[in-house]
C-alpha atoms as a PDB file:
ATOM      1  CA  MET A   1       9.172-176.038 142.981  1.00  0.00           C
ATOM      2  CA  THR A   2       7.624-173.795 145.594  1.00  0.00           C
ATOM      3  CA  GLU A   3       4.626-171.463 143.852  1.00  0.00           C
ATOM      4  CA  ALA A   4       6.735-168.268 144.238  1.00  0.00           C
ATOM      5  CA  GLU A   5      10.205-169.957 142.645  1.00  0.00           C
ATOM      6  CA  ALA A   6       7.277-171.288 139.676  1.00  0.00           C
ATOM      7  CA  ILE A   7       6.356-167.277 139.247  1.00  0.00           C
ATOM      8  CA  ALA A   8       9.874-166.150 139.273  1.00  0.00           C
ATOM      9  CA  LYS A   9      10.754-168.582 137.145  1.00  0.00           C
ATOM     10  CA  PHE A  10       7.898-167.635 134.572  1.00  0.00           C
ATOM     11  CA  ILE A  11       8.490-163.721 134.902  1.00  0.00           C
ATOM     12  CA  ASP A  12      12.056-164.125 134.465  1.00  0.00           C
ATOM     13  CA  TYR A  13      11.069-165.840 130.766  1.00  0.00           C
ATOM     14  CA  LEU A  14       8.559-162.888 129.969  1.00  0.00           C
ATOM     15  CA  ALA A  15      11.606-160.369 130.888  1.00  0.00           C
ATOM     16  CA  ASN A  16      14.308-161.968 128.956  1.00  0.00           C
ATOM     17  CA  VAL A  17      13.243-164.573 126.709  1.00  0.00           C
ATOM     18  CA  LYS A  18      10.077-162.845 125.360  1.00  0.00           C
ATOM     19  CA  ASN A  19      11.429-159.762 125.746  1.00  0.00           C
ATOM     20  CA  TYR A  20       7.997-158.166 126.748  1.00  0.00           C
ATOM     21  CA  SER A  21       7.821-154.418 128.185  1.00  0.00           C
ATOM     22  CA  SER A  22       8.484-153.652 131.945  1.00  0.00           C
ATOM     23  CA  ASN A  23       4.969-152.908 132.382  1.00  0.00           C
ATOM     24  CA  THR A  24       3.272-156.506 130.409  1.00  0.00           C
ATOM     25  CA  VAL A  25       5.606-158.274 133.242  1.00  0.00           C
ATOM     26  CA  ILE A  26       3.914-155.925 135.893  1.00  0.00           C
ATOM     27  CA  SER A  27       0.357-157.233 134.782  1.00  0.00           C
ATOM     28  CA  TYR A  28       1.606-160.444 134.607  1.00  0.00           C
ATOM     29  CA  HIS A  29       2.664-160.799 137.694  1.00  0.00           C
ATOM     30  CA  HIS A  30       0.048-159.023 139.881  1.00  0.00           C
ATOM     31  CA  ASP A  31      -2.704-161.235 137.617  1.00  0.00           C
ATOM     32  CA  LEU A  32      -0.670-164.557 138.973  1.00  0.00           C
ATOM     33  CA  GLU A  33      -0.495-162.936 142.558  1.00  0.00           C
ATOM     34  CA  GLU A  34      -3.841-162.488 142.361  1.00  0.00           C
ATOM     35  CA  PHE A  35      -4.757-165.786 141.341  1.00  0.00           C
ATOM     36  CA  VAL A  36      -2.836-167.226 143.663  1.00  0.00           C
ATOM     37  CA  GLU A  37      -4.473-165.311 146.702  1.00  0.00           C
ATOM     38  CA  PHE A  38      -7.438-166.856 145.394  1.00  0.00           C
ATOM     39  CA  VAL A  39      -6.663-170.532 145.813  1.00  0.00           C
ATOM     40  CA  HIS A  40      -5.327-169.690 148.947  1.00  0.00           C
ATOM     41  CA  SER A  41      -8.340-168.137 150.148  1.00  0.00           C
ATOM     42  CA  GLU A  42     -10.404-170.764 148.779  1.00  0.00           C
ATOM     43  CA  LYS A  43      -8.839-173.789 149.780  1.00  0.00           C
ATOM     44  CA  MET A  44      -9.981-175.623 146.332  1.00  0.00           C
ATOM     45  CA  ALA A  45      -6.674-177.307 146.120  1.00  0.00           C
ATOM     46  CA  PRO A  46      -3.290-176.682 148.099  1.00  0.00           C
ATOM     47  CA  SER A  47      -1.465-174.473 145.513  1.00  0.00           C
ATOM     48  CA  ILE A  48      -1.333-173.219 142.591  1.00  0.00           C
ATOM     49  CA  LEU A  49       1.139-176.244 140.863  1.00  0.00           C
ATOM     50  CA  GLY A  50      -1.862-178.723 143.172  1.00  0.00           C
ATOM     51  CA  ILE A  51      -5.257-178.048 140.532  1.00  0.00           C
ATOM     52  CA  ARG A  52      -6.269-181.072 139.498  1.00  0.00           C
ATOM     53  CA  ASN A  53      -9.665-180.372 137.316  1.00  0.00           C
ATOM     54  CA  ASN A  54     -10.909-177.349 136.253  1.00  0.00           C
ATOM     55  CA  ARG A  55     -13.006-176.440 138.734  1.00  0.00           C
ATOM     56  CA  VAL A  56     -10.691-173.935 140.338  1.00  0.00           C
ATOM     57  CA  CYS A  57     -10.982-172.401 137.144  1.00  0.00           C
ATOM     58  CA  LYS A  58     -15.022-172.096 136.441  1.00  0.00           C
ATOM     59  CA  ASN A  59     -15.159-170.912 139.763  1.00  0.00           C
ATOM     60  CA  TYR A  60     -12.270-167.867 139.485  1.00  0.00           C
ATOM     61  CA  ILE A  61     -14.146-166.547 136.149  1.00  0.00           C
ATOM     62  CA  SER A  62     -17.067-166.635 138.670  1.00  0.00           C
ATOM     63  CA  TYR A  63     -15.462-164.569 141.242  1.00  0.00           C
ATOM     64  CA  LEU A  64     -13.850-162.456 139.033  1.00  0.00           C
ATOM     65  CA  SER A  65     -17.635-161.834 137.312  1.00  0.00           C
ATOM     66  CA  SER A  66     -18.796-160.467 140.632  1.00  0.00           C
ATOM     67  CA  CYS A  67     -16.150-158.279 140.869  1.00  0.00           C
ATOM     68  CA  ASN A  68     -17.785-156.466 138.391  1.00  0.00           C
ATOM     69  CA  LEU A  69     -14.903-156.591 135.728  1.00  0.00           C
ATOM     70  CA  ALA A  70     -15.832-155.829 132.206  1.00  0.00           C
ATOM     71  CA  SER A  71     -15.037-158.599 130.046  1.00  0.00           C
ATOM     72  CA  THR A  72     -11.913-157.370 128.788  1.00  0.00           C
ATOM     73  CA  SER A  73     -10.103-157.100 132.423  1.00  0.00           C
ATOM     74  CA  ILE A  74     -11.331-161.393 132.807  1.00  0.00           C
ATOM     75  CA  SER A  75      -9.730-161.807 129.534  1.00  0.00           C
ATOM     76  CA  ARG A  76      -6.757-160.368 130.172  1.00  0.00           C
ATOM     77  CA  LYS A  77      -6.064-162.741 133.485  1.00  0.00           C
ATOM     78  CA  LEU A  78      -7.349-165.560 131.738  1.00  0.00           C
ATOM     79  CA  SER A  79      -4.857-165.522 129.413  1.00  0.00           C
ATOM     80  CA  SER A  80      -2.160-164.428 131.532  1.00  0.00           C
ATOM     81  CA  LEU A  81      -3.260-167.529 133.750  1.00  0.00           C
ATOM     82  CA  ARG A  82      -3.513-169.484 130.259  1.00  0.00           C
ATOM     83  CA  THR A  83       0.226-168.250 129.471  1.00  0.00           C
ATOM     84  CA  PHE A  84       1.595-169.236 133.181  1.00  0.00           C
ATOM     85  CA  TYR A  85       0.365-172.495 133.027  1.00  0.00           C
ATOM     86  CA  GLU A  86       1.298-173.497 129.309  1.00  0.00           C
ATOM     87  CA  TYR A  87       4.957-172.554 130.385  1.00  0.00           C
ATOM     88  CA  LEU A  88       5.048-174.726 133.069  1.00  0.00           C
ATOM     89  CA  LEU A  89       3.531-177.396 130.653  1.00  0.00           C
ATOM     90  CA  LYS A  90       5.690-177.289 128.346  1.00  0.00           C
ATOM     91  CA  SER A  91       8.474-177.239 131.063  1.00  0.00           C
ATOM     92  CA  GLY A  92       7.374-180.444 132.510  1.00  0.00           C
ATOM     93  CA  ASP A  93       6.191-178.554 135.257  1.00  0.00           C
ATOM     94  CA  ILE A  94       3.176-179.707 135.370  1.00  0.00           C
ATOM     95  CA  ARG A  95       1.157-181.975 133.227  1.00  0.00           C
ATOM     96  CA  THR A  96      -2.202-180.712 132.274  1.00  0.00           C
ATOM     97  CA  ASN A  97      -2.830-176.672 131.820  1.00  0.00           C
ATOM     98  CA  PHE A  98      -6.576-176.655 133.326  1.00  0.00           C
ATOM     99  CA  PHE A  99      -6.966-173.207 131.899  1.00  0.00           C
ATOM    100  CA  GLU A 100      -6.205-174.270 128.552  1.00  0.00           C
ATOM    101  CA  GLU A 101     -10.098-175.480 128.756  1.00  0.00           C
ATOM    102  CA  VAL A 102     -11.928-173.317 130.486  1.00  0.00           C
ATOM    103  CA  GLU A 103     -13.502-169.987 127.949  1.00  0.00           C
ATOM    104  CA  ALA A 104     -13.181-166.282 128.788  1.00  0.00           C
ATOM    105  CA  PRO A 105     -16.438-164.754 128.732  1.00  0.00           C
ATOM    106  CA  LYS A 106     -17.220-162.737 125.281  1.00  0.00           C
ATOM    107  CA  ILE A 107     -16.275-159.006 124.580  1.00  0.00           C
ATOM    108  CA  PRO A 108     -19.016-157.286 123.268  1.00  0.00           C
ATOM    109  CA  LYS A 109     -16.998-156.149 119.640  1.00  0.00           C
ATOM    110  CA  ARG A 110     -16.411-152.463 119.514  1.00  0.00           C
ATOM    111  CA  LEU A 111     -15.736-150.172 116.437  1.00  0.00           C
ATOM    112  CA  PRO A 112     -13.058-148.081 117.417  1.00  0.00           C
ATOM    113  CA  LYS A 113     -13.256-144.564 117.003  1.00  0.00           C
ATOM    114  CA  THR A 114     -12.047-143.249 113.922  1.00  0.00           C
ATOM    115  CA  ILE A 115     -11.073-138.979 112.715  1.00  0.00           C
ATOM    116  CA  LYS A 116     -12.788-137.631 110.047  1.00  0.00           C
ATOM    117  CA  GLU A 117     -10.785-136.716 107.019  1.00  0.00           C
ATOM    118  CA  ASN A 118     -11.798-132.680 106.651  1.00  0.00           C
ATOM    119  CA  GLU A 119     -11.354-132.977 110.532  1.00  0.00           C
ATOM    120  CA  ILE A 120      -7.304-134.064 110.142  1.00  0.00           C
ATOM    121  CA  MET A 121      -6.972-132.020 107.203  1.00  0.00           C
ATOM    122  CA  MET A 122      -7.908-129.107 109.701  1.00  0.00           C
ATOM    123  CA  LEU A 123      -5.488-130.265 112.280  1.00  0.00           C
ATOM    124  CA  PHE A 124      -2.566-130.775 109.369  1.00  0.00           C
ATOM    125  CA  ASN A 125      -3.655-126.836 108.049  1.00  0.00           C
ATOM    126  CA  ILE A 126      -3.515-125.122 111.597  1.00  0.00           C
ATOM    127  CA  CYS A 127       0.264-126.125 112.606  1.00  0.00           C
ATOM    128  CA  ASP A 128       2.465-123.323 111.732  1.00  0.00           C
ATOM    129  CA  GLN A 129       5.235-124.989 109.653  1.00  0.00           C
ATOM    130  CA  ASN A 130       7.656-121.877 109.720  1.00  0.00           C
ATOM    131  CA  THR A 131       8.303-122.333 113.318  1.00  0.00           C
ATOM    132  CA  PRO A 132      10.350-125.060 115.017  1.00  0.00           C
ATOM    133  CA  LEU A 133       7.167-127.199 116.567  1.00  0.00           C
ATOM    134  CA  GLY A 134       4.656-126.485 114.426  1.00  0.00           C
ATOM    135  CA  PHE A 135       6.999-127.677 111.531  1.00  0.00           C
ATOM    136  CA  ARG A 136       7.521-130.873 114.163  1.00  0.00           C
ATOM    137  CA  ASN A 137       3.720-131.368 115.242  1.00  0.00           C
ATOM    138  CA  TYR A 138       2.845-131.438 110.941  1.00  0.00           C
ATOM    139  CA  CYS A 139       5.644-134.348 111.063  1.00  0.00           C
ATOM    140  CA  ILE A 140       4.424-135.675 113.778  1.00  0.00           C
ATOM    141  CA  LEU A 141       0.791-135.916 112.249  1.00  0.00           C
ATOM    142  CA  GLU A 142       1.957-137.360 109.753  1.00  0.00           C
ATOM    143  CA  MET A 143       3.846-140.237 111.094  1.00  0.00           C
ATOM    144  CA  LEU A 144       1.075-141.054 112.992  1.00  0.00           C
ATOM    145  CA  TYR A 145      -2.150-140.622 110.153  1.00  0.00           C
ATOM    146  CA  GLY A 146       0.683-141.818 107.342  1.00  0.00           C
ATOM    147  CA  CYS A 147       1.968-144.786 108.763  1.00  0.00           C
ATOM    148  CA  GLY A 148       0.040-146.170 111.281  1.00  0.00           C
ATOM    149  CA  LEU A 149       2.318-145.620 114.157  1.00  0.00           C
ATOM    150  CA  ARG A 150       1.836-146.491 117.564  1.00  0.00           C
ATOM    151  CA  VAL A 151       2.369-143.479 120.378  1.00  0.00           C
ATOM    152  CA  SER A 152       4.668-145.091 122.006  1.00  0.00           C
ATOM    153  CA  GLU A 153       6.966-146.444 118.577  1.00  0.00           C
ATOM    154  CA  LEU A 154       7.089-142.719 117.631  1.00  0.00           C
ATOM    155  CA  CYS A 155       8.064-141.705 120.733  1.00  0.00           C
ATOM    156  CA  ALA A 156      11.234-143.787 120.613  1.00  0.00           C
ATOM    157  CA  LEU A 157      11.778-143.582 117.210  1.00  0.00           C
ATOM    158  CA  GLU A 158      15.226-142.862 116.167  1.00  0.00           C
ATOM    159  CA  ILE A 159      17.266-140.851 113.135  1.00  0.00           C
ATOM    160  CA  LYS A 160      19.014-144.400 112.243  1.00  0.00           C
ATOM    161  CA  ASP A 161      15.957-146.408 111.941  1.00  0.00           C
ATOM    162  CA  ILE A 162      14.872-144.025 108.789  1.00  0.00           C
ATOM    163  CA  ASP A 163      15.498-144.722 105.609  1.00  0.00           C
ATOM    164  CA  PHE A 164      15.495-141.648 102.945  1.00  0.00           C
ATOM    165  CA  ILE A 165      16.231-143.704  99.860  1.00  0.00           C
ATOM    166  CA  ASN A 166      13.811-146.426 100.572  1.00  0.00           C
ATOM    167  CA  LEU A 167      11.655-144.049 102.091  1.00  0.00           C
ATOM    168  CA  THR A 168      11.299-147.062 104.735  1.00  0.00           C
ATOM    169  CA  ILE A 169      11.132-147.126 108.604  1.00  0.00           C
ATOM    170  CA  VAL A 170      12.551-149.487 110.773  1.00  0.00           C
ATOM    171  CA  ILE A 171       9.808-149.449 113.841  1.00  0.00           C
ATOM    172  CA  HIS A 172      10.975-151.317 116.985  1.00  0.00           C
ATOM    173  CA  GLY A 173       6.849-152.482 118.173  1.00  0.00           C
ATOM    174  CA  LYS A 174       4.988-153.970 120.588  1.00  0.00           C
ATOM    175  CA  GLY A 175       7.232-157.420 122.202  1.00  0.00           C
ATOM    176  CA  SER A 176      10.418-156.341 120.288  1.00  0.00           C
ATOM    177  CA  LYS A 177       9.270-157.674 116.908  1.00  0.00           C
ATOM    178  CA  ASP A 178      10.439-154.780 113.742  1.00  0.00           C
ATOM    179  CA  ARG A 179       8.432-154.110 111.094  1.00  0.00           C
ATOM    180  CA  VAL A 180       8.843-151.707 108.322  1.00  0.00           C
ATOM    181  CA  VAL A 181       6.848-148.950 107.275  1.00  0.00           C
ATOM    182  CA  ILE A 182       6.481-147.077 104.150  1.00  0.00           C
ATOM    183  CA  MET A 183       6.762-143.143 103.561  1.00  0.00           C
ATOM    184  CA  PHE A 184       5.568-141.069 100.558  1.00  0.00           C
ATOM    185  CA  ASP A 185       7.962-139.359  99.373  1.00  0.00           C
ATOM    186  CA  ASP A 186       6.862-135.354 100.434  1.00  0.00           C
ATOM    187  CA  MET A 187       6.544-136.910 103.896  1.00  0.00           C
ATOM    188  CA  ALA A 188      10.059-138.066 103.864  1.00  0.00           C
ATOM    189  CA  ASP A 189      11.048-134.739 102.464  1.00  0.00           C
ATOM    190  CA  ARG A 190       9.562-132.650 105.583  1.00  0.00           C
ATOM    191  CA  LEU A 191      11.399-135.078 107.446  1.00  0.00           C
ATOM    192  CA  LYS A 192      14.108-134.619 106.181  1.00  0.00           C
ATOM    193  CA  ARG A 193      14.037-131.179 106.594  1.00  0.00           C
ATOM    194  CA  TYR A 194      12.243-130.876 110.158  1.00  0.00           C
ATOM    195  CA  ILE A 195      15.761-133.543 111.214  1.00  0.00           C
ATOM    196  CA  SER A 196      18.350-131.236 109.221  1.00  0.00           C
ATOM    197  CA  THR A 197      16.704-127.678 110.630  1.00  0.00           C
ATOM    198  CA  TYR A 198      13.906-127.248 113.380  1.00  0.00           C
ATOM    199  CA  ARG A 199      15.275-130.408 115.263  1.00  0.00           C
ATOM    200  CA  LEU A 200      18.228-129.070 115.963  1.00  0.00           C
ATOM    201  CA  ASP A 201      16.414-125.693 116.810  1.00  0.00           C
ATOM    202  CA  LEU A 202      15.315-127.811 119.338  1.00  0.00           C
ATOM    203  CA  LEU A 203      18.320-130.301 120.260  1.00  0.00           C
ATOM    204  CA  TYR A 204      19.960-127.025 120.871  1.00  0.00           C
ATOM    205  CA  ARG A 205      18.080-125.865 124.337  1.00  0.00           C
ATOM    206  CA  SER A 206      18.798-128.708 126.117  1.00  0.00           C
ATOM    207  CA  LYS A 207      22.274-129.077 124.214  1.00  0.00           C
ATOM    208  CA  ASP A 208      22.157-133.173 124.845  1.00  0.00           C
ATOM    209  CA  GLU A 209      23.612-134.254 121.315  1.00  0.00           C
ATOM    210  CA  ALA A 210      23.927-137.449 122.456  1.00  0.00           C
ATOM    211  CA  ASN A 211      20.067-137.938 121.596  1.00  0.00           C
ATOM    212  CA  ARG A 212      19.217-139.672 118.692  1.00  0.00           C
ATOM    213  CA  HIS A 213      15.319-139.133 119.162  1.00  0.00           C
ATOM    214  CA  VAL A 214      13.380-138.299 115.532  1.00  0.00           C
ATOM    215  CA  PHE A 215      11.255-135.992 118.027  1.00  0.00           C
ATOM    216  CA  LEU A 216      11.815-133.275 120.980  1.00  0.00           C
ATOM    217  CA  ASN A 217       9.868-131.541 123.058  1.00  0.00           C
ATOM    218  CA  LYS A 218      10.056-127.525 123.463  1.00  0.00           C
ATOM    219  CA  ASN A 219      13.175-128.075 125.560  1.00  0.00           C
ATOM    220  CA  GLY A 220      14.871-130.532 123.313  1.00  0.00           C
ATOM    221  CA  THR A 221      14.545-133.273 125.404  1.00  0.00           C
ATOM    222  CA  THR A 222      12.788-136.663 124.024  1.00  0.00           C
ATOM    223  CA  LEU A 223       8.774-136.481 123.107  1.00  0.00           C
ATOM    224  CA  THR A 224       7.082-138.085 125.632  1.00  0.00           C
ATOM    225  CA  PRO A 225       3.403-140.499 125.099  1.00  0.00           C
ATOM    226  CA  ARG A 226       1.643-137.805 127.173  1.00  0.00           C
ATOM    227  CA  GLY A 227       3.342-134.926 125.470  1.00  0.00           C
ATOM    228  CA  VAL A 228       1.714-136.167 122.232  1.00  0.00           C
ATOM    229  CA  ARG A 229      -1.615-135.986 123.714  1.00  0.00           C
ATOM    230  CA  VAL A 230      -1.197-132.617 124.668  1.00  0.00           C
ATOM    231  CA  ILE A 231      -0.147-131.698 121.503  1.00  0.00           C
ATOM    232  CA  LEU A 232      -2.931-133.144 119.952  1.00  0.00           C
ATOM    233  CA  ASN A 233      -5.497-131.430 122.156  1.00  0.00           C
ATOM    234  CA  LYS A 234      -3.364-128.192 121.794  1.00  0.00           C
ATOM    235  CA  LEU A 235      -4.259-128.617 117.481  1.00  0.00           C
ATOM    236  CA  ILE A 236      -8.124-129.088 118.051  1.00  0.00           C
ATOM    237  CA  GLN A 237      -7.816-126.068 120.454  1.00  0.00           C
ATOM    238  CA  ASP A 238      -6.545-124.011 118.579  1.00  0.00           C
ATOM    239  CA  CYS A 239      -9.113-125.166 115.392  1.00  0.00           C
ATOM    240  CA  GLY A 240     -11.370-123.860 117.845  1.00  0.00           C
ATOM    241  CA  GLU A 241     -13.357-127.176 118.133  1.00  0.00           C
ATOM    242  CA  THR A 242     -13.991-129.130 120.427  1.00  0.00           C
ATOM    243  CA  PHE A 243     -13.975-133.503 119.556  1.00  0.00           C
ATOM    244  CA  HIS A 244     -11.595-135.560 121.087  1.00  0.00           C
ATOM    245  CA  LEU A 245      -9.011-137.613 119.667  1.00  0.00           C
ATOM    246  CA  SER A 246      -6.007-139.734 120.609  1.00  0.00           C
ATOM    247  CA  PRO A 247      -2.933-141.384 118.552  1.00  0.00           C
ATOM    248  CA  HIS A 248      -4.509-144.779 118.348  1.00  0.00           C
ATOM    249  CA  MET A 249      -7.358-142.709 117.127  1.00  0.00           C
ATOM    250  CA  LEU A 250      -4.765-141.604 113.287  1.00  0.00           C
ATOM    251  CA  ARG A 251      -3.622-145.148 113.475  1.00  0.00           C
ATOM    252  CA  HIS A 252      -7.431-146.469 113.172  1.00  0.00           C
ATOM    253  CA  SER A 253      -8.226-143.758 110.630  1.00  0.00           C
ATOM    254  CA  PHE A 254      -4.782-144.788 109.201  1.00  0.00           C
ATOM    255  CA  ALA A 255      -6.060-148.921 108.765  1.00  0.00           C
ATOM    256  CA  THR A 256      -9.613-147.554 108.034  1.00  0.00           C
ATOM    257  CA  ALA A 257      -8.338-145.190 104.895  1.00  0.00           C
ATOM    258  CA  LEU A 258      -6.044-148.231 103.165  1.00  0.00           C
ATOM    259  CA  LEU A 259      -9.283-150.787 103.167  1.00  0.00           C
ATOM    260  CA  ASN A 260     -11.169-148.394 101.987  1.00  0.00           C
ATOM    261  CA  ASN A 261      -9.232-147.440  99.515  1.00  0.00           C
ATOM    262  CA  GLY A 262      -8.663-150.874  98.233  1.00  0.00           C
ATOM    263  CA  ALA A 263      -5.414-152.194 100.394  1.00  0.00           C
ATOM    264  CA  ASP A 264      -6.286-155.875 101.367  1.00  0.00           C
ATOM    265  CA  MET A 265      -6.016-157.638 104.828  1.00  0.00           C
ATOM    266  CA  ARG A 266      -2.593-158.676 105.127  1.00  0.00           C
ATOM    267  CA  SER A 267      -1.043-155.407 104.308  1.00  0.00           C
ATOM    268  CA  VAL A 268      -2.782-153.424 106.462  1.00  0.00           C
ATOM    269  CA  GLN A 269      -1.418-156.190 109.094  1.00  0.00           C
ATOM    270  CA  GLU A 270       1.922-155.778 108.220  1.00  0.00           C
ATOM    271  CA  LEU A 271       2.013-152.069 108.104  1.00  0.00           C
ATOM    272  CA  LEU A 272       0.002-152.591 111.426  1.00  0.00           C
ATOM    273  CA  GLY A 273       2.800-154.969 112.730  1.00  0.00           C
ATOM    274  CA  HIS A 274      -0.560-157.451 114.256  1.00  0.00           C
ATOM    275  CA  GLU A 275       0.941-161.213 114.770  1.00  0.00           C
ATOM    276  CA  ASN A 276      -2.673-162.430 113.688  1.00  0.00           C
ATOM    277  CA  LEU A 277      -4.669-161.331 111.309  1.00  0.00           C
ATOM    278  CA  SER A 278      -7.654-161.442 113.448  1.00  0.00           C
ATOM    279  CA  THR A 279      -6.454-158.669 115.524  1.00  0.00           C
ATOM    280  CA  THR A 280      -6.883-156.678 112.173  1.00  0.00           C
ATOM    281  CA  GLN A 281      -9.869-157.783 111.252  1.00  0.00           C
ATOM    282  CA  ILE A 282     -11.419-156.380 114.309  1.00  0.00           C
ATOM    283  CA  TYR A 283      -8.850-153.520 114.920  1.00  0.00           C
ATOM    284  CA  THR A 284      -9.998-152.390 111.348  1.00  0.00           C
ATOM    285  CA  HIS A 285     -13.475-151.872 109.613  1.00  0.00           C
ATOM    286  CA  VAL A 286     -14.982-150.185 106.003  1.00  0.00           C
ATOM    287  CA  SER A 287     -17.073-147.010 106.775  1.00  0.00           C
ATOM    288  CA  PHE A 288     -20.497-148.078 106.732  1.00  0.00           C
ATOM    289  CA  GLU A 289     -20.470-145.215 103.388  1.00  0.00           C
ATOM    290  CA  HIS A 290     -18.182-147.106 101.473  1.00  0.00           C
ATOM    291  CA  VAL A 291     -19.978-150.351 101.842  1.00  0.00           C
ATOM    292  CA  ARG A 292     -23.269-148.102 100.386  1.00  0.00           C
ATOM    293  CA  LYS A 293     -21.431-147.071  97.540  1.00  0.00           C
ATOM    294  CA  SER A 294     -19.426-150.459  96.876  1.00  0.00           C
ATOM    295  CA  TYR A 295     -23.138-151.366  96.850  1.00  0.00           C
ATOM    296  CA  GLU A 296     -24.538-148.876  94.572  1.00  0.00           C
ATOM    297  CA  ILE A 297     -22.013-149.729  92.279  1.00  0.00           C
ATOM    298  CA  SER A 298     -21.689-152.762  91.669  1.00  0.00           C
ATOM    299  CA  HIS A 299     -25.158-153.988  91.883  1.00  0.00           C
ATOM    300  CA  PRO A 300     -26.714-154.212  88.415  1.00  0.00           C
ATOM    301  CA  ARG A 301     -30.130-153.276  90.314  1.00  0.00           C
ATOM    302  CA  ALA A 302     -28.989-150.417  92.312  1.00  0.00           C
ATOM    303  CA  SER A 303     -26.585-148.206  89.398  1.00  0.00           C
ATOM    304  CA  LYS A 304     -29.772-148.729  87.342  1.00  0.00           C
ATOM    305  CA  SER A 305     -32.438-147.126  89.771  1.00  0.00           C
ATOM    306  CA  GLU A 306     -29.116-144.252  90.049  1.00  0.00           C
ATOM    307  CA  ASP A 307     -28.950-144.085  86.148  1.00  0.00           C
ATOM    308  CA  LYS A 308     -32.392-143.561  86.474  1.00  0.00           C
ATOM    309  CA  ASN A 309     -32.479-140.743  89.123  1.00  0.00           C
ATOM    310  CA  LYS A 310     -30.041-138.997  87.196  1.00  0.00           C
END
């Protein structure tokens, strides 16, 4: 089997068996082609299928580091190669996955940014619920902040995915993995009203009766992730504010709000659609103010000191 055949076989597996998105498949393919070029130029092995020790792997990490790539980028490329060779190992095409023995550079942990509660309320209040677009924007905020959806999941949402009786929504997440998120009563009522009235007003502008996506743009066609970002920026501008807000910040704020109010990590993991709990632990954090309040309430010395000051 040639290098090209091995890569083609792996890419087909990612696309048709694992059902990875086209962007993800393209990234894997690009990472493999880069490694092929490195192995050929450095002549450290006859081919990417003829590696005999992990020296090639370690040298490749050094090469990537010399290119001033971020640790996250290097780790992603190594993950692609590790997955590729693991696939070949299971297929019986190679005997050893040398990338399994190589450690990726440590990625510095950064706490994702959140939006303050008064800021999110400001955005809700600025939405004019008497207009189709204003009411739609209110529902978008509720879905991002109230359900923790990714912006791609929000835009892909279809009417058939919503169960108004059980107050649940089926979300088609990353890697074609479905999960169920929960609506509260007011959210469900507003979403039902939007779909039965204002969405129809927007849909009429495109006259595309076959479109079943929930959220439409001003022209009546399916809203895109870029369109959602434009909406958020416009809401901030209408508030007379200048702070930065991305859809993912609302997703993180959703998780943080749950944790700060007593939700367990496993429940948050399910609602976010994370395959591994470790991802949730990195993605979510408990605010320092919440830690401070918990300390002051729970520690006997701290609580006595607080009572004395009253």
